[in-house]
């Protein structure tokens, strides 16, 4: 059991963005097998399972980018080539362009994206555990402080407040504590009648590790980069907690992981509703140049 050191409960939603100069790198764990979502993960890694036509990994990165972060380190493992191909072809998949088949040249006509991201695609091993994945990719992190999170969960965490809380705590790591979603529907009963029904609501008691962590590099000093069997939870966070070096940021707002097909459906329904709680960014207006009129043949 991980017991974090509660420094204080932060006020929710400061809304303060991260400036480009202070925004730490963001490490995302992308290497798991996703066995409970086998319908999707037989052919792709779980971070590439789509919500609203975009991988959940994209949603996570957009949330960080919405607060000013633009440098990412992705810890690859199971079917990592799918993620590599996605980012290697990101520009062509999100732009209008012309291809000259004679010369092979490509002319970009308009960009349909505003992601100015620097993305490191780091191979960390197919069966490597989470703590060892971070340790192996640590050499690609710039600076001494960095964000880290899992590649299968979204939330409306105020990342500016999270980072400020971590820095005030003076600890080596900060974990975001969230209320888990209930496995069952909740009934509101009055006088023998069901007054309200909520399908699998987010509970209001009990806290769990929701990801969205902040680390100092020194938190991994005891983990050898040669090892592949160190869990982030049991091998790193538990030790930090025992040493009084794990602070907690309590996030009472929205959080949802995507472990099952039903949870994938839920996230897609929230996105389709137009009010996805984790959407912290503004969409780029689409500006397409008008095509030149075709000439009539003589």
C-alpha atoms as a PDB file:
ATOM      1  CA  UNK A   1       0.000   0.000   0.000  1.00  0.00           C
ATOM      2  CA  UNK A   2       1.369   3.416  -0.996  1.00  0.00           C
ATOM      3  CA  UNK A   3       0.918   6.143   1.604  1.00  0.00           C
ATOM      4  CA  UNK A   4       1.822   9.578   0.254  1.00  0.00           C
ATOM      5  CA  UNK A   5       2.874  12.511   2.412  1.00  0.00           C
ATOM      6  CA  UNK A   6       0.023  15.066   2.336  1.00  0.00           C
ATOM      7  CA  UNK A   7       1.665  18.504   2.323  1.00  0.00           C
ATOM      8  CA  UNK A   8      -1.617  20.353   1.868  1.00  0.00           C
ATOM      9  CA  UNK A   9      -4.784  20.088  -0.165  1.00  0.00           C
ATOM     10  CA  UNK A  10      -4.427  22.530  -3.070  1.00  0.00           C
ATOM     11  CA  UNK A  11      -7.176  24.854  -4.161  1.00  0.00           C
ATOM     12  CA  UNK A  12      -8.703  23.496  -7.350  1.00  0.00           C
ATOM     13  CA  UNK A  13      -8.324  25.104 -10.739  1.00  0.00           C
ATOM     14  CA  UNK A  14      -5.779  27.855 -10.534  1.00  0.00           C
ATOM     15  CA  UNK A  15      -5.875  27.862 -14.321  1.00  0.00           C
ATOM     16  CA  UNK A  16      -2.255  29.045 -14.446  1.00  0.00           C
ATOM     17  CA  UNK A  17      -0.572  27.810 -17.642  1.00  0.00           C
ATOM     18  CA  UNK A  18       3.013  26.643 -17.738  1.00  0.00           C
ATOM     19  CA  UNK A  19       5.349  29.020 -19.511  1.00  0.00           C
ATOM     20  CA  UNK A  20       7.528  27.550 -22.236  1.00  0.00           C
ATOM     21  CA  UNK A  21      10.636  28.143 -20.146  1.00  0.00           C
ATOM     22  CA  UNK A  22       9.378  26.272 -17.101  1.00  0.00           C
ATOM     23  CA  UNK A  23       7.258  23.533 -18.649  1.00  0.00           C
ATOM     24  CA  UNK A  24       8.946  20.213 -17.785  1.00  0.00           C
ATOM     25  CA  UNK A  25       9.205  17.342 -20.216  1.00  0.00           C
ATOM     26  CA  UNK A  26       6.330  14.863 -20.129  1.00  0.00           C
ATOM     27  CA  UNK A  27       6.992  11.124 -19.987  1.00  0.00           C
ATOM     28  CA  UNK A  28       4.124   8.823 -20.992  1.00  0.00           C
ATOM     29  CA  UNK A  29       4.121   5.081 -20.306  1.00  0.00           C
ATOM     30  CA  UNK A  30       3.046   3.421 -23.563  1.00  0.00           C
ATOM     31  CA  UNK A  31       4.407  -0.116 -23.354  1.00  0.00           C
ATOM     32  CA  UNK A  32       1.769  -2.216 -21.587  1.00  0.00           C
ATOM     33  CA  UNK A  33      -0.099  -5.139 -23.145  1.00  0.00           C
ATOM     34  CA  UNK A  34      -3.634  -3.951 -22.342  1.00  0.00           C
ATOM     35  CA  UNK A  35      -4.920  -7.496 -21.920  1.00  0.00           C
ATOM     36  CA  UNK A  36      -8.305  -6.415 -20.528  1.00  0.00           C
ATOM     37  CA  UNK A  37      -9.016  -4.507 -23.741  1.00  0.00           C
ATOM     38  CA  UNK A  38      -8.066  -7.330 -26.066  1.00  0.00           C
ATOM     39  CA  UNK A  39     -10.779  -6.367 -28.586  1.00  0.00           C
ATOM     40  CA  UNK A  40      -8.626  -3.369 -29.484  1.00  0.00           C
ATOM     41  CA  UNK A  41      -5.122  -4.186 -28.288  1.00  0.00           C
ATOM     42  CA  UNK A  42      -4.619  -7.371 -30.266  1.00  0.00           C
ATOM     43  CA  UNK A  43      -3.447  -5.201 -33.150  1.00  0.00           C
ATOM     44  CA  UNK A  44      -2.376  -1.952 -31.489  1.00  0.00           C
ATOM     45  CA  UNK A  45      -0.971  -0.773 -28.123  1.00  0.00           C
ATOM     46  CA  UNK A  46      -3.574   0.550 -25.683  1.00  0.00           C
ATOM     47  CA  UNK A  47      -2.432   4.196 -25.974  1.00  0.00           C
ATOM     48  CA  UNK A  48      -3.438   4.014 -29.647  1.00  0.00           C
ATOM     49  CA  UNK A  49      -7.037   2.978 -28.936  1.00  0.00           C
ATOM     50  CA  UNK A  50      -9.156   5.814 -30.264  1.00  0.00           C
ATOM     51  CA  UNK A  51     -11.510   8.279 -28.610  1.00  0.00           C
ATOM     52  CA  UNK A  52     -13.418  10.302 -31.161  1.00  0.00           C
ATOM     53  CA  UNK A  53     -11.117   9.207 -33.975  1.00  0.00           C
ATOM     54  CA  UNK A  54      -7.889  10.125 -32.135  1.00  0.00           C
ATOM     55  CA  UNK A  55      -5.698   7.868 -29.967  1.00  0.00           C
ATOM     56  CA  UNK A  56      -6.139   8.317 -26.218  1.00  0.00           C
ATOM     57  CA  UNK A  57      -2.403   9.095 -26.227  1.00  0.00           C
ATOM     58  CA  UNK A  58      -3.156  12.154 -28.387  1.00  0.00           C
ATOM     59  CA  UNK A  59      -5.817  13.307 -25.896  1.00  0.00           C
ATOM     60  CA  UNK A  60      -3.346  12.986 -23.017  1.00  0.00           C
ATOM     61  CA  UNK A  61      -0.662  14.925 -24.870  1.00  0.00           C
ATOM     62  CA  UNK A  62      -3.132  17.619 -25.928  1.00  0.00           C
ATOM     63  CA  UNK A  63      -4.112  18.113 -22.283  1.00  0.00           C
ATOM     64  CA  UNK A  64      -0.473  18.689 -21.311  1.00  0.00           C
ATOM     65  CA  UNK A  65       0.016  20.903 -24.358  1.00  0.00           C
ATOM     66  CA  UNK A  66      -3.017  22.929 -23.303  1.00  0.00           C
ATOM     67  CA  UNK A  67      -1.001  23.944 -20.228  1.00  0.00           C
ATOM     68  CA  UNK A  68       2.122  24.803 -22.228  1.00  0.00           C
ATOM     69  CA  UNK A  69       4.105  21.544 -22.312  1.00  0.00           C
ATOM     70  CA  UNK A  70       5.443  20.591 -25.731  1.00  0.00           C
ATOM     71  CA  UNK A  71       8.271  18.110 -25.116  1.00  0.00           C
ATOM     72  CA  UNK A  72       7.311  14.466 -24.683  1.00  0.00           C
ATOM     73  CA  UNK A  73       9.151  11.199 -24.058  1.00  0.00           C
ATOM     74  CA  UNK A  74       7.098   8.127 -24.950  1.00  0.00           C
ATOM     75  CA  UNK A  75       8.197   4.851 -23.319  1.00  0.00           C
ATOM     76  CA  UNK A  76       7.487   2.234 -25.984  1.00  0.00           C
ATOM     77  CA  UNK A  77       7.114  -1.508 -25.619  1.00  0.00           C
ATOM     78  CA  UNK A  78       4.296  -3.718 -26.924  1.00  0.00           C
ATOM     79  CA  UNK A  79       3.640  -2.903 -30.590  1.00  0.00           C
ATOM     80  CA  UNK A  80       5.708   0.250 -30.325  1.00  0.00           C
ATOM     81  CA  UNK A  81       6.020   0.467 -34.115  1.00  0.00           C
ATOM     82  CA  UNK A  82       2.367   1.514 -34.326  1.00  0.00           C
ATOM     83  CA  UNK A  83       3.167   4.592 -32.229  1.00  0.00           C
ATOM     84  CA  UNK A  84       6.366   5.257 -34.196  1.00  0.00           C
ATOM     85  CA  UNK A  85       4.472   5.156 -37.489  1.00  0.00           C
ATOM     86  CA  UNK A  86       1.764   7.454 -36.131  1.00  0.00           C
ATOM     87  CA  UNK A  87       4.201  10.240 -35.272  1.00  0.00           C
ATOM     88  CA  UNK A  88       6.496   9.723 -38.255  1.00  0.00           C
ATOM     89  CA  UNK A  89       3.455  10.275 -40.492  1.00  0.00           C
ATOM     90  CA  UNK A  90       1.700  12.831 -38.271  1.00  0.00           C
ATOM     91  CA  UNK A  91       2.251  15.797 -40.576  1.00  0.00           C
ATOM     92  CA  UNK A  92       1.065  14.028 -43.720  1.00  0.00           C
ATOM     93  CA  UNK A  93      -2.003  12.605 -41.963  1.00  0.00           C
ATOM     94  CA  UNK A  94      -3.067  16.051 -40.738  1.00  0.00           C
ATOM     95  CA  UNK A  95      -2.261  18.274 -43.732  1.00  0.00           C
ATOM     96  CA  UNK A  96      -3.411  18.978 -47.253  1.00  0.00           C
ATOM     97  CA  UNK A  97      -0.575  18.407 -49.677  1.00  0.00           C
ATOM     98  CA  UNK A  98       0.240  17.893 -53.340  1.00  0.00           C
ATOM     99  CA  UNK A  99       2.431  15.075 -54.632  1.00  0.00           C
ATOM    100  CA  UNK A 100       4.325  15.429 -57.890  1.00  0.00           C
ATOM    101  CA  UNK A 101       4.481  11.835 -59.089  1.00  0.00           C
ATOM    102  CA  UNK A 102       7.065  12.699 -61.690  1.00  0.00           C
ATOM    103  CA  UNK A 103       9.670  14.207 -59.371  1.00  0.00           C
ATOM    104  CA  UNK A 104       8.464  12.690 -56.101  1.00  0.00           C
ATOM    105  CA  UNK A 105       8.330  16.117 -54.460  1.00  0.00           C
ATOM    106  CA  UNK A 106       5.683  16.908 -51.874  1.00  0.00           C
ATOM    107  CA  UNK A 107       4.202  20.384 -51.372  1.00  0.00           C
ATOM    108  CA  UNK A 108       2.323  21.116 -48.146  1.00  0.00           C
ATOM    109  CA  UNK A 109      -0.730  23.233 -48.963  1.00  0.00           C
ATOM    110  CA  UNK A 110      -2.147  23.732 -45.469  1.00  0.00           C
ATOM    111  CA  UNK A 111      -1.638  22.371 -41.979  1.00  0.00           C
ATOM    112  CA  UNK A 112      -4.599  21.089 -40.000  1.00  0.00           C
ATOM    113  CA  UNK A 113      -2.767  20.929 -36.687  1.00  0.00           C
ATOM    114  CA  UNK A 114      -1.064  23.203 -34.176  1.00  0.00           C
ATOM    115  CA  UNK A 115       1.049  20.655 -32.315  1.00  0.00           C
ATOM    116  CA  UNK A 116       4.569  22.075 -32.054  1.00  0.00           C
ATOM    117  CA  UNK A 117       5.635  19.012 -30.081  1.00  0.00           C
ATOM    118  CA  UNK A 118       9.042  17.464 -29.688  1.00  0.00           C
ATOM    119  CA  UNK A 119       8.384  13.723 -29.328  1.00  0.00           C
ATOM    120  CA  UNK A 120      11.051  11.235 -28.253  1.00  0.00           C
ATOM    121  CA  UNK A 121      10.096   7.658 -29.136  1.00  0.00           C
ATOM    122  CA  UNK A 122      12.120   5.588 -26.679  1.00  0.00           C
ATOM    123  CA  UNK A 123      12.211   1.806 -26.895  1.00  0.00           C
ATOM    124  CA  UNK A 124      12.107   0.456 -23.333  1.00  0.00           C
ATOM    125  CA  UNK A 125      11.442  -3.247 -23.916  1.00  0.00           C
ATOM    126  CA  UNK A 126       8.352  -5.316 -24.581  1.00  0.00           C
ATOM    127  CA  UNK A 127       8.033  -6.858 -21.103  1.00  0.00           C
ATOM    128  CA  UNK A 128       9.765  -4.189 -19.013  1.00  0.00           C
ATOM    129  CA  UNK A 129       7.909  -3.003 -15.913  1.00  0.00           C
ATOM    130  CA  UNK A 130       6.872   0.622 -15.498  1.00  0.00           C
ATOM    131  CA  UNK A 131       9.582   1.809 -13.104  1.00  0.00           C
ATOM    132  CA  UNK A 132      12.308   0.349 -15.274  1.00  0.00           C
ATOM    133  CA  UNK A 133      10.747   1.914 -18.374  1.00  0.00           C
ATOM    134  CA  UNK A 134      11.008   5.379 -16.849  1.00  0.00           C
ATOM    135  CA  UNK A 135      14.572   4.738 -15.693  1.00  0.00           C
ATOM    136  CA  UNK A 136      15.654   3.615 -19.156  1.00  0.00           C
ATOM    137  CA  UNK A 137      14.128   6.666 -20.842  1.00  0.00           C
ATOM    138  CA  UNK A 138      15.360   9.098 -18.191  1.00  0.00           C
ATOM    139  CA  UNK A 139      18.403  10.030 -20.276  1.00  0.00           C
ATOM    140  CA  UNK A 140      16.112  11.733 -22.788  1.00  0.00           C
ATOM    141  CA  UNK A 141      14.494  14.022 -20.201  1.00  0.00           C
ATOM    142  CA  UNK A 142      15.801  17.581 -20.245  1.00  0.00           C
ATOM    143  CA  UNK A 143      16.026  19.306 -16.891  1.00  0.00           C
ATOM    144  CA  UNK A 144      15.748  17.796 -13.425  1.00  0.00           C
ATOM    145  CA  UNK A 145      11.942  17.862 -13.029  1.00  0.00           C
ATOM    146  CA  UNK A 146       9.510  16.036 -15.287  1.00  0.00           C
ATOM    147  CA  UNK A 147       5.879  15.006 -15.573  1.00  0.00           C
ATOM    148  CA  UNK A 148       4.951  11.333 -15.960  1.00  0.00           C
ATOM    149  CA  UNK A 149       1.654   9.591 -16.537  1.00  0.00           C
ATOM    150  CA  UNK A 150       0.055   6.429 -17.844  1.00  0.00           C
ATOM    151  CA  UNK A 151      -0.992   6.191 -21.485  1.00  0.00           C
ATOM    152  CA  UNK A 152      -4.510   4.991 -20.760  1.00  0.00           C
ATOM    153  CA  UNK A 153      -6.187   7.612 -18.570  1.00  0.00           C
ATOM    154  CA  UNK A 154      -7.583  11.122 -18.978  1.00  0.00           C
ATOM    155  CA  UNK A 155      -8.528  13.753 -16.407  1.00  0.00           C
ATOM    156  CA  UNK A 156      -9.137  17.471 -15.999  1.00  0.00           C
ATOM    157  CA  UNK A 157      -6.151  17.858 -13.675  1.00  0.00           C
ATOM    158  CA  UNK A 158      -4.889  21.433 -13.349  1.00  0.00           C
ATOM    159  CA  UNK A 159      -1.291  20.787 -14.369  1.00  0.00           C
ATOM    160  CA  UNK A 160      -0.098  24.274 -13.442  1.00  0.00           C
ATOM    161  CA  UNK A 161      -1.397  23.825  -9.904  1.00  0.00           C
ATOM    162  CA  UNK A 162       0.047  20.301  -9.765  1.00  0.00           C
ATOM    163  CA  UNK A 163       3.526  21.508 -10.689  1.00  0.00           C
ATOM    164  CA  UNK A 164       3.371  24.427  -8.254  1.00  0.00           C
ATOM    165  CA  UNK A 165       2.262  22.062  -5.487  1.00  0.00           C
ATOM    166  CA  UNK A 166       5.141  19.701  -6.226  1.00  0.00           C
ATOM    167  CA  UNK A 167       7.689  22.504  -6.088  1.00  0.00           C
ATOM    168  CA  UNK A 168       6.317  23.828  -2.813  1.00  0.00           C
ATOM    169  CA  UNK A 169       6.405  20.360  -1.268  1.00  0.00           C
ATOM    170  CA  UNK A 170      10.164  19.972  -1.729  1.00  0.00           C
ATOM    171  CA  UNK A 171       9.722  16.220  -2.239  1.00  0.00           C
ATOM    172  CA  UNK A 172      11.219  14.009  -4.920  1.00  0.00           C
ATOM    173  CA  UNK A 173       7.833  13.009  -6.302  1.00  0.00           C
ATOM    174  CA  UNK A 174       4.163  13.983  -6.296  1.00  0.00           C
ATOM    175  CA  UNK A 175       1.299  11.656  -7.191  1.00  0.00           C
ATOM    176  CA  UNK A 176      -2.146  12.846  -8.186  1.00  0.00           C
ATOM    177  CA  UNK A 177      -4.778  11.182  -6.013  1.00  0.00           C
ATOM    178  CA  UNK A 178      -8.213  10.727  -7.610  1.00  0.00           C
ATOM    179  CA  UNK A 179     -11.555   9.231  -6.703  1.00  0.00           C
ATOM    180  CA  UNK A 180     -12.061   5.970  -8.640  1.00  0.00           C
ATOM    181  CA  UNK A 181     -15.095   5.237 -10.754  1.00  0.00           C
ATOM    182  CA  UNK A 182     -17.583   2.857  -9.226  1.00  0.00           C
ATOM    183  CA  UNK A 183     -17.949  -0.596 -10.739  1.00  0.00           C
ATOM    184  CA  UNK A 184     -21.695  -0.410 -10.259  1.00  0.00           C
ATOM    185  CA  UNK A 185     -24.572   1.949 -11.004  1.00  0.00           C
ATOM    186  CA  UNK A 186     -25.740   4.168  -8.152  1.00  0.00           C
ATOM    187  CA  UNK A 187     -29.383   4.520  -7.157  1.00  0.00           C
ATOM    188  CA  UNK A 188     -30.859   7.515  -5.359  1.00  0.00           C
ATOM    189  CA  UNK A 189     -33.796   6.107  -3.376  1.00  0.00           C
ATOM    190  CA  UNK A 190     -36.544   8.053  -1.646  1.00  0.00           C
ATOM    191  CA  UNK A 191     -39.729   6.600  -0.135  1.00  0.00           C
ATOM    192  CA  UNK A 192     -39.343   3.284  -1.892  1.00  0.00           C
ATOM    193  CA  UNK A 193     -38.812   4.843  -5.327  1.00  0.00           C
ATOM    194  CA  UNK A 194     -35.709   5.363  -7.457  1.00  0.00           C
ATOM    195  CA  UNK A 195     -35.342   9.126  -7.807  1.00  0.00           C
ATOM    196  CA  UNK A 196     -31.995   9.177  -9.584  1.00  0.00           C
ATOM    197  CA  UNK A 197     -29.901   6.637 -11.446  1.00  0.00           C
ATOM    198  CA  UNK A 198     -26.244   7.159 -12.297  1.00  0.00           C
ATOM    199  CA  UNK A 199     -24.420   4.499 -14.294  1.00  0.00           C
ATOM    200  CA  UNK A 200     -20.996   3.821 -12.733  1.00  0.00           C
ATOM    201  CA  UNK A 201     -20.480   7.232 -11.107  1.00  0.00           C
ATOM    202  CA  UNK A 202     -17.216   8.577  -9.774  1.00  0.00           C
ATOM    203  CA  UNK A 203     -17.207   7.898  -6.044  1.00  0.00           C
ATOM    204  CA  UNK A 204     -16.571  10.687  -3.548  1.00  0.00           C
ATOM    205  CA  UNK A 205     -14.682   8.692  -0.926  1.00  0.00           C
ATOM    206  CA  UNK A 206     -11.363   6.911  -1.140  1.00  0.00           C
ATOM    207  CA  UNK A 207      -8.280   7.962  -3.091  1.00  0.00           C
ATOM    208  CA  UNK A 208      -6.171   6.029  -5.608  1.00  0.00           C
ATOM    209  CA  UNK A 209      -3.095   6.705  -7.734  1.00  0.00           C
ATOM    210  CA  UNK A 210      -4.434   8.454 -10.830  1.00  0.00           C
ATOM    211  CA  UNK A 211      -1.128   8.975 -12.623  1.00  0.00           C
ATOM    212  CA  UNK A 212      -0.318  12.595 -13.539  1.00  0.00           C
ATOM    213  CA  UNK A 213       2.857  12.461 -11.466  1.00  0.00           C
ATOM    214  CA  UNK A 214       5.746  14.885 -11.093  1.00  0.00           C
ATOM    215  CA  UNK A 215       9.268  13.577 -10.435  1.00  0.00           C
ATOM    216  CA  UNK A 216      12.721  14.835  -9.757  1.00  0.00           C
ATOM    217  CA  UNK A 217      15.265  12.713 -11.595  1.00  0.00           C
ATOM    218  CA  UNK A 218      16.834  11.834  -8.249  1.00  0.00           C
ATOM    219  CA  UNK A 219      13.719   9.777  -7.442  1.00  0.00           C
ATOM    220  CA  UNK A 220      15.166   7.058  -9.687  1.00  0.00           C
ATOM    221  CA  UNK A 221      18.720   7.071  -8.346  1.00  0.00           C
ATOM    222  CA  UNK A 222      18.225   3.650  -6.759  1.00  0.00           C
ATOM    223  CA  UNK A 223      16.917   2.047  -9.955  1.00  0.00           C
ATOM    224  CA  UNK A 224      19.545   0.538 -12.235  1.00  0.00           C
ATOM    225  CA  UNK A 225      18.923   1.127 -15.969  1.00  0.00           C
ATOM    226  CA  UNK A 226      20.001  -2.489 -16.507  1.00  0.00           C
ATOM    227  CA  UNK A 227      16.992  -3.868 -14.618  1.00  0.00           C
ATOM    228  CA  UNK A 228      13.683  -4.573 -16.331  1.00  0.00           C
ATOM    229  CA  UNK A 229      11.606  -5.806 -13.371  1.00  0.00           C
ATOM    230  CA  UNK A 230      11.128  -2.653 -11.272  1.00  0.00           C
ATOM    231  CA  UNK A 231       7.497  -1.600 -10.918  1.00  0.00           C
ATOM    232  CA  UNK A 232       6.772   2.110 -10.616  1.00  0.00           C
ATOM    233  CA  UNK A 233       4.209   1.476  -7.905  1.00  0.00           C
ATOM    234  CA  UNK A 234       5.877  -1.193  -5.737  1.00  0.00           C
ATOM    235  CA  UNK A 235       9.493  -0.529  -6.652  1.00  0.00           C
ATOM    236  CA  UNK A 236       9.617   3.283  -6.699  1.00  0.00           C
ATOM    237  CA  UNK A 237       6.559   4.970  -5.163  1.00  0.00           C
ATOM    238  CA  UNK A 238       6.422   2.708  -2.105  1.00  0.00           C
ATOM    239  CA  UNK A 239      10.084   3.402  -1.355  1.00  0.00           C
ATOM    240  CA  UNK A 240       9.606   7.139  -1.786  1.00  0.00           C
ATOM    241  CA  UNK A 241       6.593   7.068   0.527  1.00  0.00           C
ATOM    242  CA  UNK A 242       8.560   5.154   3.180  1.00  0.00           C
ATOM    243  CA  UNK A 243      11.282   7.826   2.972  1.00  0.00           C
ATOM    244  CA  UNK A 244       8.789  10.691   3.280  1.00  0.00           C
ATOM    245  CA  UNK A 245       9.565  11.787  -0.284  1.00  0.00           C
ATOM    246  CA  UNK A 246       6.151  11.265  -1.916  1.00  0.00           C
ATOM    247  CA  UNK A 247       3.764  14.227  -1.825  1.00  0.00           C
ATOM    248  CA  UNK A 248       0.133  14.024  -2.920  1.00  0.00           C
ATOM    249  CA  UNK A 249      -1.983  16.355  -5.011  1.00  0.00           C
ATOM    250  CA  UNK A 250      -5.658  15.617  -4.354  1.00  0.00           C
ATOM    251  CA  UNK A 251      -7.763  16.021  -7.480  1.00  0.00           C
ATOM    252  CA  UNK A 252     -11.507  15.799  -6.760  1.00  0.00           C
ATOM    253  CA  UNK A 253     -12.501  16.388 -10.382  1.00  0.00           C
ATOM    254  CA  UNK A 254     -12.924  14.156 -13.401  1.00  0.00           C
ATOM    255  CA  UNK A 255     -10.663  11.157 -13.930  1.00  0.00           C
ATOM    256  CA  UNK A 256     -11.220   8.030 -15.993  1.00  0.00           C
ATOM    257  CA  UNK A 257      -8.921   5.201 -17.028  1.00  0.00           C
ATOM    258  CA  UNK A 258      -9.571   2.983 -20.060  1.00  0.00           C
ATOM    259  CA  UNK A 259      -9.073  -0.595 -18.966  1.00  0.00           C
ATOM    260  CA  UNK A 260     -12.144  -2.194 -20.512  1.00  0.00           C
ATOM    261  CA  UNK A 261     -14.276  -2.008 -23.639  1.00  0.00           C
ATOM    262  CA  UNK A 262     -17.084  -0.416 -21.611  1.00  0.00           C
ATOM    263  CA  UNK A 263     -14.753   2.329 -20.397  1.00  0.00           C
ATOM    264  CA  UNK A 264     -13.647   2.953 -23.970  1.00  0.00           C
ATOM    265  CA  UNK A 265     -17.317   3.343 -24.942  1.00  0.00           C
ATOM    266  CA  UNK A 266     -17.884   5.731 -22.032  1.00  0.00           C
ATOM    267  CA  UNK A 267     -15.003   7.983 -23.072  1.00  0.00           C
ATOM    268  CA  UNK A 268     -16.203   7.993 -26.677  1.00  0.00           C
ATOM    269  CA  UNK A 269     -19.702   8.930 -25.535  1.00  0.00           C
ATOM    270  CA  UNK A 270     -18.331  11.805 -23.462  1.00  0.00           C
ATOM    271  CA  UNK A 271     -16.294  13.029 -26.435  1.00  0.00           C
ATOM    272  CA  UNK A 272     -19.270  12.771 -28.795  1.00  0.00           C
ATOM    273  CA  UNK A 273     -21.372  14.817 -26.382  1.00  0.00           C
ATOM    274  CA  UNK A 274     -19.125  17.820 -27.021  1.00  0.00           C
ATOM    275  CA  UNK A 275     -18.387  18.305 -23.330  1.00  0.00           C
ATOM    276  CA  UNK A 276     -15.494  15.951 -22.601  1.00  0.00           C
ATOM    277  CA  UNK A 277     -14.216  17.074 -19.163  1.00  0.00           C
ATOM    278  CA  UNK A 278     -10.547  16.506 -20.033  1.00  0.00           C
ATOM    279  CA  UNK A 279     -10.577  18.770 -23.133  1.00  0.00           C
ATOM    280  CA  UNK A 280      -8.453  21.688 -21.910  1.00  0.00           C
ATOM    281  CA  UNK A 281      -7.398  22.951 -25.337  1.00  0.00           C
ATOM    282  CA  UNK A 282      -8.983  24.996 -28.080  1.00  0.00           C
ATOM    283  CA  UNK A 283      -9.337  23.529 -31.535  1.00  0.00           C
ATOM    284  CA  UNK A 284      -7.406  25.153 -34.349  1.00  0.00           C
ATOM    285  CA  UNK A 285      -9.742  26.853 -36.854  1.00  0.00           C
ATOM    286  CA  UNK A 286      -9.507  25.215 -40.230  1.00  0.00           C
ATOM    287  CA  UNK A 287      -8.247  27.602 -42.878  1.00  0.00           C
ATOM    288  CA  UNK A 288      -7.972  25.985 -46.282  1.00  0.00           C
ATOM    289  CA  UNK A 289      -6.795  27.843 -49.352  1.00  0.00           C
ATOM    290  CA  UNK A 290      -9.366  27.859 -52.111  1.00  0.00           C
ATOM    291  CA  UNK A 291      -8.366  25.694 -55.044  1.00  0.00           C
ATOM    292  CA  UNK A 292      -7.724  27.443 -58.329  1.00  0.00           C
ATOM    293  CA  UNK A 293     -10.662  27.090 -60.759  1.00  0.00           C
ATOM    294  CA  UNK A 294     -10.263  24.442 -63.425  1.00  0.00           C
ATOM    295  CA  UNK A 295      -9.828  25.638 -66.981  1.00  0.00           C
ATOM    296  CA  UNK A 296     -12.319  24.392 -69.539  1.00  0.00           C
ATOM    297  CA  UNK A 297     -10.773  22.361 -72.289  1.00  0.00           C
ATOM    298  CA  UNK A 298     -10.803  23.896 -75.761  1.00  0.00           C
END
